Amino acid sequence: MPTETPIRIIHFAVQSGTAYVDLNIAENGWMGVSFTLAAVDPLIERDLLRFAKVHKVIFGRPPGTTSRGEQ
């Protein structure tokens, strides 16, 4: 899958059984990035749900967290 920039996780946290994942391309994407996210997000979610402590996956940051991970 060709991309303009490498896909990287810029923020990851698990809180109360919910995994929060923020990808660099969600913030600084390119034209058509939504197609890449549509292909990648389900794969990330499937892999994270294999962990016993993860019951839900949200793409983005936890509530109360800024875009730089500061609280």
PDB file of N, CA and C in Angstrom:
ATOM      1  N   MET A   1       0.850  -1.164   0.000  1.00  0.00           N
ATOM      2  CA  MET A   1       0.000   0.000   0.000  1.00  0.00           C
ATOM      3  C   MET A   1       0.904   1.239   0.000  1.00  0.00           C
ATOM      4  N   PRO A   2       0.964   1.992  -1.095  1.00  0.00           N
ATOM      5  CA  PRO A   2       1.842   3.156  -1.160  1.00  0.00           C
ATOM      6  C   PRO A   2       1.315   4.311  -0.317  1.00  0.00           C
ATOM      7  N   THR A   3       2.209   4.977   0.380  1.00  0.00           N
ATOM      8  CA  THR A   3       1.823   6.138   1.188  1.00  0.00           C
ATOM      9  C   THR A   3       2.834   7.246   0.970  1.00  0.00           C
ATOM     10  N   GLU A   4       2.417   8.457   1.280  1.00  0.00           N
ATOM     11  CA  GLU A   4       3.307   9.602   1.174  1.00  0.00           C
ATOM     12  C   GLU A   4       4.312   9.632   2.330  1.00  0.00           C
ATOM     13  N   THR A   5       3.872   9.237   3.512  1.00  0.00           N
ATOM     14  CA  THR A   5       4.734   9.221   4.692  1.00  0.00           C
ATOM     15  C   THR A   5       4.565   7.872   5.387  1.00  0.00           C
ATOM     16  N   PRO A   6       5.576   7.429   6.097  1.00  0.00           N
ATOM     17  CA  PRO A   6       5.428   6.175   6.843  1.00  0.00           C
ATOM     18  C   PRO A   6       4.351   6.319   7.925  1.00  0.00           C
ATOM     19  N   ILE A   7       3.613   5.264   8.146  1.00  0.00           N
ATOM     20  CA  ILE A   7       2.575   5.282   9.174  1.00  0.00           C
ATOM     21  C   ILE A   7       3.224   4.967  10.514  1.00  0.00           C
ATOM     22  N   ARG A   8       2.993   5.853  11.493  1.00  0.00           N
ATOM     23  CA  ARG A   8       3.571   5.680  12.833  1.00  0.00           C
ATOM     24  C   ARG A   8       2.510   5.953  13.891  1.00  0.00           C
ATOM     25  N   ILE A   9       2.625   5.231  14.985  1.00  0.00           N
ATOM     26  CA  ILE A   9       1.776   5.515  16.139  1.00  0.00           C
ATOM     27  C   ILE A   9       2.428   6.657  16.898  1.00  0.00           C
ATOM     28  N   ILE A  10       1.694   7.758  17.087  1.00  0.00           N
ATOM     29  CA  ILE A  10       2.266   8.895  17.801  1.00  0.00           C
ATOM     30  C   ILE A  10       1.757   8.979  19.237  1.00  0.00           C
ATOM     31  N   HIS A  11       0.711   8.213  19.525  1.00  0.00           N
ATOM     32  CA  HIS A  11       0.212   8.162  20.905  1.00  0.00           C
ATOM     33  C   HIS A  11      -0.511   6.832  21.093  1.00  0.00           C
ATOM     34  N   PHE A  12      -0.219   6.169  22.214  1.00  0.00           N
ATOM     35  CA  PHE A  12      -0.889   4.917  22.534  1.00  0.00           C
ATOM     36  C   PHE A  12      -1.086   4.849  24.034  1.00  0.00           C
ATOM     37  N   ALA A  13      -2.306   4.492  24.453  1.00  0.00           N
ATOM     38  CA  ALA A  13      -2.602   4.346  25.876  1.00  0.00           C
ATOM     39  C   ALA A  13      -3.736   3.348  26.038  1.00  0.00           C
ATOM     40  N   VAL A  14      -3.722   2.645  27.167  1.00  0.00           N
ATOM     41  CA  VAL A  14      -4.837   1.767  27.527  1.00  0.00           C
ATOM     42  C   VAL A  14      -5.355   2.250  28.869  1.00  0.00           C
ATOM     43  N   GLN A  15      -6.629   2.591  28.899  1.00  0.00           N
ATOM     44  CA  GLN A  15      -7.266   3.077  30.114  1.00  0.00           C
ATOM     45  C   GLN A  15      -8.614   2.391  30.279  1.00  0.00           C
ATOM     46  N   SER A  16      -8.804   1.722  31.382  1.00  0.00           N
ATOM     47  CA  SER A  16     -10.077   1.061  31.708  1.00  0.00           C
ATOM     48  C   SER A  16     -10.557   0.144  30.584  1.00  0.00           C
ATOM     49  N   GLY A  17      -9.645  -0.614  30.010  1.00  0.00           N
ATOM     50  CA  GLY A  17     -10.008  -1.571  28.974  1.00  0.00           C
ATOM     51  C   GLY A  17     -10.144  -0.993  27.581  1.00  0.00           C
ATOM     52  N   THR A  18      -9.914   0.300  27.438  1.00  0.00           N
ATOM     53  CA  THR A  18     -10.007   0.948  26.134  1.00  0.00           C
ATOM     54  C   THR A  18      -8.610   1.331  25.659  1.00  0.00           C
ATOM     55  N   ALA A  19      -8.258   0.891  24.452  1.00  0.00           N
ATOM     56  CA  ALA A  19      -6.980   1.263  23.844  1.00  0.00           C
ATOM     57  C   ALA A  19      -7.211   2.494  22.976  1.00  0.00           C
ATOM     58  N   TYR A  20      -6.392   3.505  23.178  1.00  0.00           N
ATOM     59  CA  TYR A  20      -6.439   4.732  22.382  1.00  0.00           C
ATOM     60  C   TYR A  20      -5.217   4.750  21.486  1.00  0.00           C
ATOM     61  N   VAL A  21      -5.442   4.878  20.188  1.00  0.00           N
ATOM     62  CA  VAL A  21      -4.359   4.843  19.207  1.00  0.00           C
ATOM     63  C   VAL A  21      -4.473   6.085  18.337  1.00  0.00           C
ATOM     64  N   ASP A  22      -3.392   6.842  18.241  1.00  0.00           N
ATOM     65  CA  ASP A  22      -3.360   8.022  17.385  1.00  0.00           C
ATOM     66  C   ASP A  22      -2.238   7.830  16.369  1.00  0.00           C
ATOM     67  N   LEU A  23      -2.586   7.892  15.105  1.00  0.00           N
ATOM     68  CA  LEU A  23      -1.620   7.707  14.028  1.00  0.00           C
ATOM     69  C   LEU A  23      -1.224   9.051  13.428  1.00  0.00           C
ATOM     70  N   ASN A  24       0.028   9.152  13.000  1.00  0.00           N
ATOM     71  CA  ASN A  24       0.512  10.403  12.420  1.00  0.00           C
ATOM     72  C   ASN A  24      -0.270  10.792  11.174  1.00  0.00           C
ATOM     73  N   ILE A  25      -0.703   9.833  10.399  1.00  0.00           N
ATOM     74  CA  ILE A  25      -1.403  10.169   9.157  1.00  0.00           C
ATOM     75  C   ILE A  25      -2.815  10.694   9.404  1.00  0.00           C
ATOM     76  N   ALA A  26      -3.359  10.463  10.588  1.00  0.00           N
ATOM     77  CA  ALA A  26      -4.684  10.998  10.911  1.00  0.00           C
ATOM     78  C   ALA A  26      -4.621  12.509  11.110  1.00  0.00           C
ATOM     79  N   GLU A  27      -3.462  13.020  11.516  1.00  0.00           N
ATOM     80  CA  GLU A  27      -3.300  14.455  11.741  1.00  0.00           C
ATOM     81  C   GLU A  27      -2.678  15.164  10.550  1.00  0.00           C
ATOM     82  N   ASN A  28      -1.696  14.528   9.920  1.00  0.00           N
ATOM     83  CA  ASN A  28      -0.958  15.162   8.825  1.00  0.00           C
ATOM     84  C   ASN A  28      -0.976  14.250   7.603  1.00  0.00           C
ATOM     85  N   GLY A  29      -2.143  14.019   7.085  1.00  0.00           N
ATOM     86  CA  GLY A  29      -2.281  13.097   5.969  1.00  0.00           C
ATOM     87  C   GLY A  29      -2.116  13.778   4.620  1.00  0.00           C
ATOM     88  N   TRP A  30      -2.457  13.070   3.595  1.00  0.00           N
ATOM     89  CA  TRP A  30      -2.369  13.549   2.236  1.00  0.00           C
ATOM     90  C   TRP A  30      -3.722  13.279   1.569  1.00  0.00           C
ATOM     91  N   MET A  31      -3.888  13.760   0.372  1.00  0.00           N
ATOM     92  CA  MET A  31      -5.127  13.517  -0.343  1.00  0.00           C
ATOM     93  C   MET A  31      -5.304  12.005  -0.512  1.00  0.00           C
ATOM     94  N   GLY A  32      -6.423  11.485  -0.060  1.00  0.00           N
ATOM     95  CA  GLY A  32      -6.681  10.060  -0.163  1.00  0.00           C
ATOM     96  C   GLY A  32      -6.273   9.262   1.059  1.00  0.00           C
ATOM     97  N   VAL A  33      -5.823   9.934   2.116  1.00  0.00           N
ATOM     98  CA  VAL A  33      -5.384   9.228   3.320  1.00  0.00           C
ATOM     99  C   VAL A  33      -6.528   8.432   3.951  1.00  0.00           C
ATOM    100  N   SER A  34      -7.748   8.855   3.724  1.00  0.00           N
ATOM    101  CA  SER A  34      -8.888   8.139   4.309  1.00  0.00           C
ATOM    102  C   SER A  34      -8.958   6.698   3.809  1.00  0.00           C
ATOM    103  N   PHE A  35      -8.508   6.448   2.589  1.00  0.00           N
ATOM    104  CA  PHE A  35      -8.491   5.080   2.063  1.00  0.00           C
ATOM    105  C   PHE A  35      -7.457   4.237   2.808  1.00  0.00           C
ATOM    106  N   THR A  36      -6.325   4.833   3.118  1.00  0.00           N
ATOM    107  CA  THR A  36      -5.297   4.117   3.875  1.00  0.00           C
ATOM    108  C   THR A  36      -5.788   3.830   5.288  1.00  0.00           C
ATOM    109  N   LEU A  37      -6.407   4.822   5.930  1.00  0.00           N
ATOM    110  CA  LEU A  37      -6.946   4.617   7.278  1.00  0.00           C
ATOM    111  C   LEU A  37      -8.023   3.532   7.277  1.00  0.00           C
ATOM    112  N   ALA A  38      -8.842   3.504   6.245  1.00  0.00           N
ATOM    113  CA  ALA A  38      -9.895   2.490   6.161  1.00  0.00           C
ATOM    114  C   ALA A  38      -9.310   1.086   6.046  1.00  0.00           C
ATOM    115  N   ALA A  39      -8.118   0.981   5.472  1.00  0.00           N
ATOM    116  CA  ALA A  39      -7.468  -0.327   5.342  1.00  0.00           C
ATOM    117  C   ALA A  39      -6.686  -0.708   6.593  1.00  0.00           C
ATOM    118  N   VAL A  40      -6.075   0.270   7.251  1.00  0.00           N
ATOM    119  CA  VAL A  40      -5.177   0.011   8.376  1.00  0.00           C
ATOM    120  C   VAL A  40      -5.912  -0.101   9.715  1.00  0.00           C
ATOM    121  N   ASP A  41      -6.897   0.753   9.956  1.00  0.00           N
ATOM    122  CA  ASP A  41      -7.586   0.775  11.251  1.00  0.00           C
ATOM    123  C   ASP A  41      -8.159  -0.585  11.666  1.00  0.00           C
ATOM    124  N   PRO A  42      -8.848  -1.311  10.787  1.00  0.00           N
ATOM    125  CA  PRO A  42      -9.385  -2.613  11.209  1.00  0.00           C
ATOM    126  C   PRO A  42      -8.295  -3.623  11.588  1.00  0.00           C
ATOM    127  N   LEU A  43      -7.149  -3.539  10.940  1.00  0.00           N
ATOM    128  CA  LEU A  43      -6.050  -4.450  11.268  1.00  0.00           C
ATOM    129  C   LEU A  43      -5.485  -4.149  12.654  1.00  0.00           C
ATOM    130  N   ILE A  44      -5.322  -2.869  12.956  1.00  0.00           N
ATOM    131  CA  ILE A  44      -4.821  -2.464  14.270  1.00  0.00           C
ATOM    132  C   ILE A  44      -5.828  -2.866  15.352  1.00  0.00           C
ATOM    133  N   GLU A  45      -7.111  -2.603  15.092  1.00  0.00           N
ATOM    134  CA  GLU A  45      -8.143  -2.941  16.065  1.00  0.00           C
ATOM    135  C   GLU A  45      -8.180  -4.445  16.330  1.00  0.00           C
ATOM    136  N   ARG A  46      -8.137  -5.240  15.289  1.00  0.00           N
ATOM    137  CA  ARG A  46      -8.165  -6.697  15.444  1.00  0.00           C
ATOM    138  C   ARG A  46      -6.992  -7.181  16.291  1.00  0.00           C
ATOM    139  N   ASP A  47      -5.810  -6.649  16.025  1.00  0.00           N
ATOM    140  CA  ASP A  47      -4.630  -7.079  16.787  1.00  0.00           C
ATOM    141  C   ASP A  47      -4.707  -6.661  18.252  1.00  0.00           C
ATOM    142  N   LEU A  48      -5.177  -5.449  18.521  1.00  0.00           N
ATOM    143  CA  LEU A  48      -5.259  -4.982  19.909  1.00  0.00           C
ATOM    144  C   LEU A  48      -6.321  -5.732  20.708  1.00  0.00           C
ATOM    145  N   LEU A  49      -7.399  -6.124  20.067  1.00  0.00           N
ATOM    146  CA  LEU A  49      -8.463  -6.840  20.781  1.00  0.00           C
ATOM    147  C   LEU A  49      -8.049  -8.251  21.175  1.00  0.00           C
ATOM    148  N   ARG A  50      -6.929  -8.703  20.703  1.00  0.00           N
ATOM    149  CA  ARG A  50      -6.402 -10.012  21.114  1.00  0.00           C
ATOM    150  C   ARG A  50      -5.845  -9.987  22.539  1.00  0.00           C
ATOM    151  N   PHE A  51      -5.529  -8.789  23.039  1.00  0.00           N
ATOM    152  CA  PHE A  51      -5.015  -8.665  24.398  1.00  0.00           C
ATOM    153  C   PHE A  51      -6.181  -8.709  25.384  1.00  0.00           C
ATOM    154  N   ALA A  52      -6.020  -9.480  26.443  1.00  0.00           N
ATOM    155  CA  ALA A  52      -7.100  -9.681  27.415  1.00  0.00           C
ATOM    156  C   ALA A  52      -7.543  -8.373  28.081  1.00  0.00           C
ATOM    157  N   LYS A  53      -6.638  -7.426  28.249  1.00  0.00           N
ATOM    158  CA  LYS A  53      -6.975  -6.177  28.937  1.00  0.00           C
ATOM    159  C   LYS A  53      -7.606  -5.132  28.016  1.00  0.00           C
ATOM    160  N   VAL A  54      -7.707  -5.424  26.726  1.00  0.00           N
ATOM    161  CA  VAL A  54      -8.285  -4.472  25.772  1.00  0.00           C
ATOM    162  C   VAL A  54      -9.647  -4.996  25.320  1.00  0.00           C
ATOM    163  N   HIS A  55     -10.688  -4.183  25.560  1.00  0.00           N
ATOM    164  CA  HIS A  55     -12.044  -4.566  25.189  1.00  0.00           C
ATOM    165  C   HIS A  55     -12.629  -3.662  24.114  1.00  0.00           C
ATOM    166  N   LYS A  56     -11.954  -2.531  23.899  1.00  0.00           N
ATOM    167  CA  LYS A  56     -12.454  -1.542  22.949  1.00  0.00           C
ATOM    168  C   LYS A  56     -11.269  -0.763  22.403  1.00  0.00           C
ATOM    169  N   VAL A  57     -11.335  -0.348  21.145  1.00  0.00           N
ATOM    170  CA  VAL A  57     -10.263   0.441  20.523  1.00  0.00           C
ATOM    171  C   VAL A  57     -10.861   1.730  19.981  1.00  0.00           C
ATOM    172  N   ILE A  58     -10.247   2.847  20.349  1.00  0.00           N
ATOM    173  CA  ILE A  58     -10.660   4.155  19.848  1.00  0.00           C
ATOM    174  C   ILE A  58      -9.459   4.780  19.156  1.00  0.00           C
ATOM    175  N   PHE A  59      -9.676   5.260  17.937  1.00  0.00           N
ATOM    176  CA  PHE A  59      -8.606   5.934  17.207  1.00  0.00           C
ATOM    177  C   PHE A  59      -8.672   7.415  17.537  1.00  0.00           C
ATOM    178  N   GLY A  60      -7.679   7.847  18.260  1.00  0.00           N
ATOM    179  CA  GLY A  60      -7.596   9.205  18.762  1.00  0.00           C
ATOM    180  C   GLY A  60      -6.965   9.163  20.139  1.00  0.00           C
ATOM    181  N   ARG A  61      -6.975  10.290  20.802  1.00  0.00           N
ATOM    182  CA  ARG A  61      -6.361  10.376  22.131  1.00  0.00           C
ATOM    183  C   ARG A  61      -7.417  10.273  23.220  1.00  0.00           C
ATOM    184  N   PRO A  62      -6.994   9.857  24.409  1.00  0.00           N
ATOM    185  CA  PRO A  62      -7.945   9.787  25.524  1.00  0.00           C
ATOM    186  C   PRO A  62      -8.508  11.172  25.858  1.00  0.00           C
ATOM    187  N   PRO A  63      -9.695  11.212  26.420  1.00  0.00           N
ATOM    188  CA  PRO A  63     -10.257  12.499  26.833  1.00  0.00           C
ATOM    189  C   PRO A  63      -9.315  13.229  27.779  1.00  0.00           C
ATOM    190  N   GLY A  64      -9.205  14.519  27.600  1.00  0.00           N
ATOM    191  CA  GLY A  64      -8.336  15.318  28.458  1.00  0.00           C
ATOM    192  C   GLY A  64      -6.885  15.357  28.017  1.00  0.00           C
ATOM    193  N   THR A  65      -6.570  14.756  26.887  1.00  0.00           N
ATOM    194  CA  THR A  65      -5.204  14.730  26.383  1.00  0.00           C
ATOM    195  C   THR A  65      -5.126  15.636  25.157  1.00  0.00           C
ATOM    196  N   THR A  66      -4.110  16.481  25.104  1.00  0.00           N
ATOM    197  CA  THR A  66      -3.935  17.360  23.968  1.00  0.00           C
ATOM    198  C   THR A  66      -3.281  16.638  22.816  1.00  0.00           C
ATOM    199  N   SER A  67      -3.150  17.308  21.713  1.00  0.00           N
ATOM    200  CA  SER A  67      -2.554  16.681  20.525  1.00  0.00           C
ATOM    201  C   SER A  67      -1.091  16.316  20.723  1.00  0.00           C
ATOM    202  N   ARG A  68      -0.433  16.897  21.721  1.00  0.00           N
ATOM    203  CA  ARG A  68       0.965  16.555  21.994  1.00  0.00           C
ATOM    204  C   ARG A  68       1.117  15.571  23.146  1.00  0.00           C
ATOM    205  N   GLY A  69       0.020  15.042  23.637  1.00  0.00           N
ATOM    206  CA  GLY A  69       0.083  14.059  24.699  1.00  0.00           C
ATOM    207  C   GLY A  69       0.175  14.672  26.092  1.00  0.00           C
ATOM    208  N   GLU A  70       0.030  15.999  26.185  1.00  0.00           N
ATOM    209  CA  GLU A  70       0.096  16.668  27.479  1.00  0.00           C
ATOM    210  C   GLU A  70      -1.276  16.615  28.129  1.00  0.00           C
ATOM    211  N   GLN A  71      -1.293  16.582  29.452  1.00  0.00           N
ATOM    212  CA  GLN A  71      -2.576  16.588  30.155  1.00  0.00           C
ATOM    213  C   GLN A  71      -2.763  17.866  30.912  1.00  0.00           C
TER     214      GLN A  71
END
